[in-house]
Amino acid sequence: MTLNEYQAFAHTLYGERDIQDIAYDLEDYAEMLVRDVNSHVRADSFDASRLTTIAEGLGDITLLCACLSEQIGYKLEVIARDSLDSKEKV
């Protein structure tokens, strides 16, 4: 599945959500991910269940990014490629 296909599927799941709601959800999920990673680092343990929790958080964030990019009229694939391109120039 390409990023654009993922974005289209996310849009069929969630439809036209309020852009501010998506942004707030993204903030909440990012904060949860940071807490999960930090707790695993402090515990010095990255067992399979902890890694799964982190991966699930990344999945939630990816879904929200797909929804947000759809709402602003950008393709997720273009956003991802442009981000990588800008990092290569640094």
PDB file of N, CA and C in Angstrom:
ATOM      1  N   MET A   1       0.848  -1.173   0.000  1.00  0.00           N
ATOM      2  CA  MET A   1       0.000   0.000   0.000  1.00  0.00           C
ATOM      3  C   MET A   1       0.897   1.240   0.000  1.00  0.00           C
ATOM      4  N   THR A   2       0.605   2.159  -0.891  1.00  0.00           N
ATOM      5  CA  THR A   2       1.363   3.408  -0.928  1.00  0.00           C
ATOM      6  C   THR A   2       0.807   4.368   0.125  1.00  0.00           C
ATOM      7  N   LEU A   3       1.556   5.415   0.372  1.00  0.00           N
ATOM      8  CA  LEU A   3       1.068   6.424   1.325  1.00  0.00           C
ATOM      9  C   LEU A   3      -0.217   7.084   0.824  1.00  0.00           C
ATOM     10  N   ASN A   4      -0.315   7.298  -0.486  1.00  0.00           N
ATOM     11  CA  ASN A   4      -1.531   7.914  -1.029  1.00  0.00           C
ATOM     12  C   ASN A   4      -2.732   6.976  -0.899  1.00  0.00           C
ATOM     13  N   GLU A   5      -2.517   5.683  -1.092  1.00  0.00           N
ATOM     14  CA  GLU A   5      -3.593   4.710  -0.901  1.00  0.00           C
ATOM     15  C   GLU A   5      -4.011   4.672   0.569  1.00  0.00           C
ATOM     16  N   TYR A   6      -3.029   4.719   1.445  1.00  0.00           N
ATOM     17  CA  TYR A   6      -3.300   4.757   2.889  1.00  0.00           C
ATOM     18  C   TYR A   6      -4.129   5.992   3.236  1.00  0.00           C
ATOM     19  N   GLN A   7      -3.744   7.127   2.672  1.00  0.00           N
ATOM     20  CA  GLN A   7      -4.458   8.374   2.927  1.00  0.00           C
ATOM     21  C   GLN A   7      -5.902   8.262   2.448  1.00  0.00           C
ATOM     22  N   ALA A   8      -6.126   7.702   1.272  1.00  0.00           N
ATOM     23  CA  ALA A   8      -7.477   7.554   0.742  1.00  0.00           C
ATOM     24  C   ALA A   8      -8.309   6.630   1.636  1.00  0.00           C
ATOM     25  N   PHE A   9      -7.698   5.556   2.109  1.00  0.00           N
ATOM     26  CA  PHE A   9      -8.401   4.631   2.990  1.00  0.00           C
ATOM     27  C   PHE A   9      -8.743   5.299   4.317  1.00  0.00           C
ATOM     28  N   ALA A  10      -7.796   6.060   4.861  1.00  0.00           N
ATOM     29  CA  ALA A  10      -8.047   6.789   6.113  1.00  0.00           C
ATOM     30  C   ALA A  10      -9.214   7.745   5.925  1.00  0.00           C
ATOM     31  N   HIS A  11      -9.280   8.375   4.764  1.00  0.00           N
ATOM     32  CA  HIS A  11     -10.372   9.315   4.498  1.00  0.00           C
ATOM     33  C   HIS A  11     -11.710   8.590   4.432  1.00  0.00           C
ATOM     34  N   THR A  12     -11.734   7.380   3.880  1.00  0.00           N
ATOM     35  CA  THR A  12     -12.996   6.629   3.844  1.00  0.00           C
ATOM     36  C   THR A  12     -13.423   6.221   5.251  1.00  0.00           C
ATOM     37  N   LEU A  13     -12.456   5.987   6.127  1.00  0.00           N
ATOM     38  CA  LEU A  13     -12.784   5.617   7.505  1.00  0.00           C
ATOM     39  C   LEU A  13     -13.325   6.794   8.304  1.00  0.00           C
ATOM     40  N   TYR A  14     -12.696   7.944   8.151  1.00  0.00           N
ATOM     41  CA  TYR A  14     -13.001   9.082   9.006  1.00  0.00           C
ATOM     42  C   TYR A  14     -13.739  10.221   8.318  1.00  0.00           C
ATOM     43  N   GLY A  15     -13.726  10.255   7.001  1.00  0.00           N
ATOM     44  CA  GLY A  15     -14.459  11.303   6.285  1.00  0.00           C
ATOM     45  C   GLY A  15     -13.924  12.689   6.572  1.00  0.00           C
ATOM     46  N   GLU A  16     -14.806  13.654   6.507  1.00  0.00           N
ATOM     47  CA  GLU A  16     -14.440  15.055   6.701  1.00  0.00           C
ATOM     48  C   GLU A  16     -14.503  15.417   8.178  1.00  0.00           C
ATOM     49  N   ARG A  17     -13.432  15.197   8.878  1.00  0.00           N
ATOM     50  CA  ARG A  17     -13.367  15.590  10.285  1.00  0.00           C
ATOM     51  C   ARG A  17     -12.903  17.040  10.383  1.00  0.00           C
ATOM     52  N   ASP A  18     -13.266  17.670  11.464  1.00  0.00           N
ATOM     53  CA  ASP A  18     -12.825  19.030  11.716  1.00  0.00           C
ATOM     54  C   ASP A  18     -11.307  19.053  11.846  1.00  0.00           C
ATOM     55  N   ILE A  19     -10.687  19.963  11.136  1.00  0.00           N
ATOM     56  CA  ILE A  19      -9.229  20.032  11.107  1.00  0.00           C
ATOM     57  C   ILE A  19      -8.634  20.275  12.499  1.00  0.00           C
ATOM     58  N   GLN A  20      -9.313  21.060  13.293  1.00  0.00           N
ATOM     59  CA  GLN A  20      -8.832  21.335  14.646  1.00  0.00           C
ATOM     60  C   GLN A  20      -8.919  20.080  15.518  1.00  0.00           C
ATOM     61  N   ASP A  21      -9.978  19.304  15.358  1.00  0.00           N
ATOM     62  CA  ASP A  21     -10.106  18.047  16.105  1.00  0.00           C
ATOM     63  C   ASP A  21      -8.972  17.080  15.757  1.00  0.00           C
ATOM     64  N   ILE A  22      -8.654  17.015  14.472  1.00  0.00           N
ATOM     65  CA  ILE A  22      -7.553  16.141  14.051  1.00  0.00           C
ATOM     66  C   ILE A  22      -6.250  16.606  14.687  1.00  0.00           C
ATOM     67  N   ALA A  23      -6.001  17.907  14.674  1.00  0.00           N
ATOM     68  CA  ALA A  23      -4.766  18.449  15.252  1.00  0.00           C
ATOM     69  C   ALA A  23      -4.681  18.170  16.748  1.00  0.00           C
ATOM     70  N   TYR A  24      -5.791  18.337  17.457  1.00  0.00           N
ATOM     71  CA  TYR A  24      -5.787  18.042  18.893  1.00  0.00           C
ATOM     72  C   TYR A  24      -5.559  16.562  19.159  1.00  0.00           C
ATOM     73  N   ASP A  25      -6.198  15.701  18.354  1.00  0.00           N
ATOM     74  CA  ASP A  25      -5.971  14.259  18.505  1.00  0.00           C
ATOM     75  C   ASP A  25      -4.519  13.908  18.229  1.00  0.00           C
ATOM     76  N   LEU A  26      -3.952  14.541  17.220  1.00  0.00           N
ATOM     77  CA  LEU A  26      -2.547  14.299  16.887  1.00  0.00           C
ATOM     78  C   LEU A  26      -1.640  14.683  18.051  1.00  0.00           C
ATOM     79  N   GLU A  27      -1.929  15.815  18.658  1.00  0.00           N
ATOM     80  CA  GLU A  27      -1.161  16.258  19.819  1.00  0.00           C
ATOM     81  C   GLU A  27      -1.283  15.249  20.967  1.00  0.00           C
ATOM     82  N   ASP A  28      -2.492  14.785  21.228  1.00  0.00           N
ATOM     83  CA  ASP A  28      -2.707  13.821  22.305  1.00  0.00           C
ATOM     84  C   ASP A  28      -1.949  12.515  22.059  1.00  0.00           C
ATOM     85  N   TYR A  29      -2.049  11.996  20.842  1.00  0.00           N
ATOM     86  CA  TYR A  29      -1.372  10.737  20.531  1.00  0.00           C
ATOM     87  C   TYR A  29       0.154  10.888  20.555  1.00  0.00           C
ATOM     88  N   ALA A  30       0.649  12.043  20.118  1.00  0.00           N
ATOM     89  CA  ALA A  30       2.091  12.277  20.168  1.00  0.00           C
ATOM     90  C   ALA A  30       2.581  12.324  21.612  1.00  0.00           C
ATOM     91  N   GLU A  31       1.812  12.969  22.484  1.00  0.00           N
ATOM     92  CA  GLU A  31       2.180  13.012  23.903  1.00  0.00           C
ATOM     93  C   GLU A  31       2.177  11.611  24.518  1.00  0.00           C
ATOM     94  N   MET A  32       1.178  10.802  24.147  1.00  0.00           N
ATOM     95  CA  MET A  32       1.143   9.422  24.654  1.00  0.00           C
ATOM     96  C   MET A  32       2.345   8.628  24.171  1.00  0.00           C
ATOM     97  N   LEU A  33       2.722   8.842  22.913  1.00  0.00           N
ATOM     98  CA  LEU A  33       3.872   8.129  22.369  1.00  0.00           C
ATOM     99  C   LEU A  33       5.148   8.518  23.108  1.00  0.00           C
ATOM    100  N   VAL A  34       5.316   9.798  23.373  1.00  0.00           N
ATOM    101  CA  VAL A  34       6.494  10.259  24.115  1.00  0.00           C
ATOM    102  C   VAL A  34       6.528   9.624  25.504  1.00  0.00           C
ATOM    103  N   ARG A  35       5.387   9.590  26.175  1.00  0.00           N
ATOM    104  CA  ARG A  35       5.332   8.958  27.506  1.00  0.00           C
ATOM    105  C   ARG A  35       5.680   7.472  27.423  1.00  0.00           C
ATOM    106  N   ASP A  36       5.149   6.781  26.413  1.00  0.00           N
ATOM    107  CA  ASP A  36       5.441   5.353  26.254  1.00  0.00           C
ATOM    108  C   ASP A  36       6.930   5.115  26.023  1.00  0.00           C
ATOM    109  N   VAL A  37       7.514   5.884  25.120  1.00  0.00           N
ATOM    110  CA  VAL A  37       8.946   5.717  24.829  1.00  0.00           C
ATOM    111  C   VAL A  37       9.772   6.030  26.071  1.00  0.00           C
ATOM    112  N   ASN A  38       9.463   7.128  26.742  1.00  0.00           N
ATOM    113  CA  ASN A  38      10.222   7.495  27.939  1.00  0.00           C
ATOM    114  C   ASN A  38      10.114   6.450  29.037  1.00  0.00           C
ATOM    115  N   SER A  39       8.937   5.879  29.214  1.00  0.00           N
ATOM    116  CA  SER A  39       8.794   4.859  30.258  1.00  0.00           C
ATOM    117  C   SER A  39       9.601   3.618  29.915  1.00  0.00           C
ATOM    118  N   HIS A  40       9.684   3.296  28.652  1.00  0.00           N
ATOM    119  CA  HIS A  40      10.468   2.126  28.249  1.00  0.00           C
ATOM    120  C   HIS A  40      11.964   2.387  28.394  1.00  0.00           C
ATOM    121  N   VAL A  41      12.368   3.620  28.091  1.00  0.00           N
ATOM    122  CA  VAL A  41      13.784   3.977  28.243  1.00  0.00           C
ATOM    123  C   VAL A  41      14.166   3.949  29.722  1.00  0.00           C
ATOM    124  N   ARG A  42      13.316   4.522  30.574  1.00  0.00           N
ATOM    125  CA  ARG A  42      13.607   4.521  32.013  1.00  0.00           C
ATOM    126  C   ARG A  42      13.652   3.099  32.569  1.00  0.00           C
ATOM    127  N   ALA A  43      12.789   2.246  32.047  1.00  0.00           N
ATOM    128  CA  ALA A  43      12.764   0.854  32.514  1.00  0.00           C
ATOM    129  C   ALA A  43      13.902   0.045  31.897  1.00  0.00           C
ATOM    130  N   ASP A  44      14.585   0.660  30.914  1.00  0.00           N
ATOM    131  CA  ASP A  44      15.677  -0.013  30.204  1.00  0.00           C
ATOM    132  C   ASP A  44      15.201  -1.360  29.658  1.00  0.00           C
ATOM    133  N   SER A  45      13.987  -1.348  29.136  1.00  0.00           N
ATOM    134  CA  SER A  45      13.392  -2.589  28.639  1.00  0.00           C
ATOM    135  C   SER A  45      12.559  -2.307  27.400  1.00  0.00           C
ATOM    136  N   PHE A  46      12.928  -2.918  26.327  1.00  0.00           N
ATOM    137  CA  PHE A  46      12.170  -2.807  25.093  1.00  0.00           C
ATOM    138  C   PHE A  46      11.753  -4.197  24.646  1.00  0.00           C
ATOM    139  N   ASP A  47      10.974  -4.872  25.488  1.00  0.00           N
ATOM    140  CA  ASP A  47      10.504  -6.208  25.122  1.00  0.00           C
ATOM    141  C   ASP A  47       9.435  -6.087  24.038  1.00  0.00           C
ATOM    142  N   ALA A  48       8.974  -7.208  23.529  1.00  0.00           N
ATOM    143  CA  ALA A  48       8.052  -7.229  22.394  1.00  0.00           C
ATOM    144  C   ALA A  48       6.763  -6.461  22.670  1.00  0.00           C
ATOM    145  N   SER A  49       6.207  -6.603  23.863  1.00  0.00           N
ATOM    146  CA  SER A  49       4.944  -5.908  24.142  1.00  0.00           C
ATOM    147  C   SER A  49       5.145  -4.397  24.199  1.00  0.00           C
ATOM    148  N   ARG A  50       6.277  -3.967  24.707  1.00  0.00           N
ATOM    149  CA  ARG A  50       6.555  -2.527  24.758  1.00  0.00           C
ATOM    150  C   ARG A  50       6.772  -1.975  23.348  1.00  0.00           C
ATOM    151  N   LEU A  51       7.469  -2.734  22.524  1.00  0.00           N
ATOM    152  CA  LEU A  51       7.682  -2.294  21.147  1.00  0.00           C
ATOM    153  C   LEU A  51       6.362  -2.257  20.376  1.00  0.00           C
ATOM    154  N   THR A  52       5.481  -3.202  20.664  1.00  0.00           N
ATOM    155  CA  THR A  52       4.162  -3.216  20.023  1.00  0.00           C
ATOM    156  C   THR A  52       3.368  -1.976  20.410  1.00  0.00           C
ATOM    157  N   THR A  53       3.446  -1.583  21.667  1.00  0.00           N
ATOM    158  CA  THR A  53       2.748  -0.374  22.124  1.00  0.00           C
ATOM    159  C   THR A  53       3.253   0.850  21.376  1.00  0.00           C
ATOM    160  N   ILE A  54       4.556   0.950  21.200  1.00  0.00           N
ATOM    161  CA  ILE A  54       5.143   2.074  20.470  1.00  0.00           C
ATOM    162  C   ILE A  54       4.697   2.037  19.004  1.00  0.00           C
ATOM    163  N   ALA A  55       4.724   0.859  18.398  1.00  0.00           N
ATOM    164  CA  ALA A  55       4.309   0.725  17.001  1.00  0.00           C
ATOM    165  C   ALA A  55       2.841   1.106  16.820  1.00  0.00           C
ATOM    166  N   GLU A  56       1.993   0.719  17.761  1.00  0.00           N
ATOM    167  CA  GLU A  56       0.577   1.092  17.686  1.00  0.00           C
ATOM    168  C   GLU A  56       0.404   2.606  17.782  1.00  0.00           C
ATOM    169  N   GLY A  57       1.189   3.239  18.638  1.00  0.00           N
ATOM    170  CA  GLY A  57       1.145   4.697  18.747  1.00  0.00           C
ATOM    171  C   GLY A  57       1.576   5.367  17.452  1.00  0.00           C
ATOM    172  N   LEU A  58       2.616   4.828  16.835  1.00  0.00           N
ATOM    173  CA  LEU A  58       3.059   5.365  15.550  1.00  0.00           C
ATOM    174  C   LEU A  58       1.982   5.190  14.481  1.00  0.00           C
ATOM    175  N   GLY A  59       1.286   4.064  14.540  1.00  0.00           N
ATOM    176  CA  GLY A  59       0.193   3.833  13.592  1.00  0.00           C
ATOM    177  C   GLY A  59      -0.932   4.839  13.765  1.00  0.00           C
ATOM    178  N   ASP A  60      -1.290   5.119  15.016  1.00  0.00           N
ATOM    179  CA  ASP A  60      -2.335   6.117  15.280  1.00  0.00           C
ATOM    180  C   ASP A  60      -1.932   7.485  14.760  1.00  0.00           C
ATOM    181  N   ILE A  61      -0.683   7.850  14.976  1.00  0.00           N
ATOM    182  CA  ILE A  61      -0.187   9.146  14.517  1.00  0.00           C
ATOM    183  C   ILE A  61      -0.161   9.198  12.993  1.00  0.00           C
ATOM    184  N   THR A  62       0.246   8.111  12.363  1.00  0.00           N
ATOM    185  CA  THR A  62       0.274   8.060  10.900  1.00  0.00           C
ATOM    186  C   THR A  62      -1.131   8.241  10.333  1.00  0.00           C
ATOM    187  N   LEU A  63      -2.101   7.586  10.948  1.00  0.00           N
ATOM    188  CA  LEU A  63      -3.490   7.715  10.505  1.00  0.00           C
ATOM    189  C   LEU A  63      -3.974   9.158  10.624  1.00  0.00           C
ATOM    190  N   LEU A  64      -3.653   9.790  11.739  1.00  0.00           N
ATOM    191  CA  LEU A  64      -4.062  11.183  11.923  1.00  0.00           C
ATOM    192  C   LEU A  64      -3.351  12.113  10.944  1.00  0.00           C
ATOM    193  N   CYS A  65      -2.087  11.839  10.660  1.00  0.00           N
ATOM    194  CA  CYS A  65      -1.361  12.640   9.662  1.00  0.00           C
ATOM    195  C   CYS A  65      -2.006  12.486   8.285  1.00  0.00           C
ATOM    196  N   ALA A  66      -2.448  11.272   7.958  1.00  0.00           N
ATOM    197  CA  ALA A  66      -3.119  11.038   6.681  1.00  0.00           C
ATOM    198  C   ALA A  66      -4.424  11.830   6.618  1.00  0.00           C
ATOM    199  N   CYS A  67      -5.172  11.818   7.706  1.00  0.00           N
ATOM    200  CA  CYS A  67      -6.437  12.572   7.760  1.00  0.00           C
ATOM    201  C   CYS A  67      -6.187  14.071   7.642  1.00  0.00           C
ATOM    202  N   LEU A  68      -5.198  14.562   8.363  1.00  0.00           N
ATOM    203  CA  LEU A  68      -4.902  15.991   8.342  1.00  0.00           C
ATOM    204  C   LEU A  68      -4.416  16.434   6.970  1.00  0.00           C
ATOM    205  N   SER A  69      -3.547  15.643   6.358  1.00  0.00           N
ATOM    206  CA  SER A  69      -3.053  16.023   5.029  1.00  0.00           C
ATOM    207  C   SER A  69      -4.188  16.031   4.010  1.00  0.00           C
ATOM    208  N   GLU A  70      -5.137  15.108   4.150  1.00  0.00           N
ATOM    209  CA  GLU A  70      -6.312  15.105   3.270  1.00  0.00           C
ATOM    210  C   GLU A  70      -7.121  16.385   3.460  1.00  0.00           C
ATOM    211  N   GLN A  71      -7.306  16.786   4.692  1.00  0.00           N
ATOM    212  CA  GLN A  71      -8.104  17.981   4.987  1.00  0.00           C
ATOM    213  C   GLN A  71      -7.472  19.257   4.442  1.00  0.00           C
ATOM    214  N   ILE A  72      -6.145  19.303   4.377  1.00  0.00           N
ATOM    215  CA  ILE A  72      -5.493  20.517   3.863  1.00  0.00           C
ATOM    216  C   ILE A  72      -5.200  20.425   2.367  1.00  0.00           C
ATOM    217  N   GLY A  73      -5.569  19.290   1.758  1.00  0.00           N
ATOM    218  CA  GLY A  73      -5.439  19.167   0.311  1.00  0.00           C
ATOM    219  C   GLY A  73      -4.065  18.768  -0.186  1.00  0.00           C
ATOM    220  N   TYR A  74      -3.282  18.134   0.654  1.00  0.00           N
ATOM    221  CA  TYR A  74      -1.960  17.659   0.256  1.00  0.00           C
ATOM    222  C   TYR A  74      -1.944  16.137   0.262  1.00  0.00           C
ATOM    223  N   LYS A  75      -1.179  15.561  -0.636  1.00  0.00           N
ATOM    224  CA  LYS A  75      -0.993  14.116  -0.652  1.00  0.00           C
ATOM    225  C   LYS A  75       0.095  13.762   0.362  1.00  0.00           C
ATOM    226  N   LEU A  76      -0.167  12.743   1.146  1.00  0.00           N
ATOM    227  CA  LEU A  76       0.775  12.315   2.185  1.00  0.00           C
ATOM    228  C   LEU A  76       2.115  11.917   1.575  1.00  0.00           C
ATOM    229  N   GLU A  77       2.068  11.304   0.414  1.00  0.00           N
ATOM    230  CA  GLU A  77       3.299  10.886  -0.262  1.00  0.00           C
ATOM    231  C   GLU A  77       4.176  12.084  -0.617  1.00  0.00           C
ATOM    232  N   VAL A  78       3.558  13.164  -1.060  1.00  0.00           N
ATOM    233  CA  VAL A  78       4.299  14.388  -1.403  1.00  0.00           C
ATOM    234  C   VAL A  78       4.900  14.997  -0.135  1.00  0.00           C
ATOM    235  N   ILE A  79       4.123  15.028   0.932  1.00  0.00           N
ATOM    236  CA  ILE A  79       4.616  15.570   2.197  1.00  0.00           C
ATOM    237  C   ILE A  79       5.828  14.767   2.679  1.00  0.00           C
ATOM    238  N   ALA A  80       5.720  13.459   2.628  1.00  0.00           N
ATOM    239  CA  ALA A  80       6.819  12.594   3.086  1.00  0.00           C
ATOM    240  C   ALA A  80       8.060  12.775   2.214  1.00  0.00           C
ATOM    241  N   ARG A  81       7.861  12.809   0.897  1.00  0.00           N
ATOM    242  CA  ARG A  81       8.996  12.976  -0.009  1.00  0.00           C
ATOM    243  C   ARG A  81       9.656  14.339   0.176  1.00  0.00           C
ATOM    244  N   ASP A  82       8.846  15.397   0.272  1.00  0.00           N
ATOM    245  CA  ASP A  82       9.400  16.735   0.479  1.00  0.00           C
ATOM    246  C   ASP A  82      10.161  16.840   1.794  1.00  0.00           C
ATOM    247  N   SER A  83       9.664  16.155   2.813  1.00  0.00           N
ATOM    248  CA  SER A  83      10.353  16.159   4.099  1.00  0.00           C
ATOM    249  C   SER A  83      11.729  15.501   3.978  1.00  0.00           C
ATOM    250  N   LEU A  84      11.783  14.352   3.312  1.00  0.00           N
ATOM    251  CA  LEU A  84      13.068  13.687   3.124  1.00  0.00           C
ATOM    252  C   LEU A  84      14.011  14.531   2.276  1.00  0.00           C
ATOM    253  N   ASP A  85      13.472  15.119   1.214  1.00  0.00           N
ATOM    254  CA  ASP A  85      14.290  15.966   0.353  1.00  0.00           C
ATOM    255  C   ASP A  85      14.895  17.126   1.131  1.00  0.00           C
ATOM    256  N   SER A  86      14.121  17.738   2.003  1.00  0.00           N
ATOM    257  CA  SER A  86      14.627  18.889   2.763  1.00  0.00           C
ATOM    258  C   SER A  86      15.708  18.452   3.741  1.00  0.00           C
ATOM    259  N   LYS A  87      15.618  17.219   4.242  1.00  0.00           N
ATOM    260  CA  LYS A  87      16.634  16.714   5.182  1.00  0.00           C
ATOM    261  C   LYS A  87      17.930  16.394   4.457  1.00  0.00           C
ATOM    262  N   GLU A  88      17.823  15.943   3.211  1.00  0.00           N
ATOM    263  CA  GLU A  88      19.026  15.624   2.430  1.00  0.00           C
ATOM    264  C   GLU A  88      19.847  16.873   2.119  1.00  0.00           C
ATOM    265  N   LYS A  89      19.182  18.008   2.030  1.00  0.00           N
ATOM    266  CA  LYS A  89      19.857  19.259   1.677  1.00  0.00           C
ATOM    267  C   LYS A  89      20.620  19.847   2.848  1.00  0.00           C
ATOM    268  N   VAL A  90      20.341  19.367   4.048  1.00  0.00           N
ATOM    269  CA  VAL A  90      20.963  19.937   5.237  1.00  0.00           C
ATOM    270  C   VAL A  90      22.352  19.398   5.410  1.00  0.00           C
TER     271      VAL A  90
END
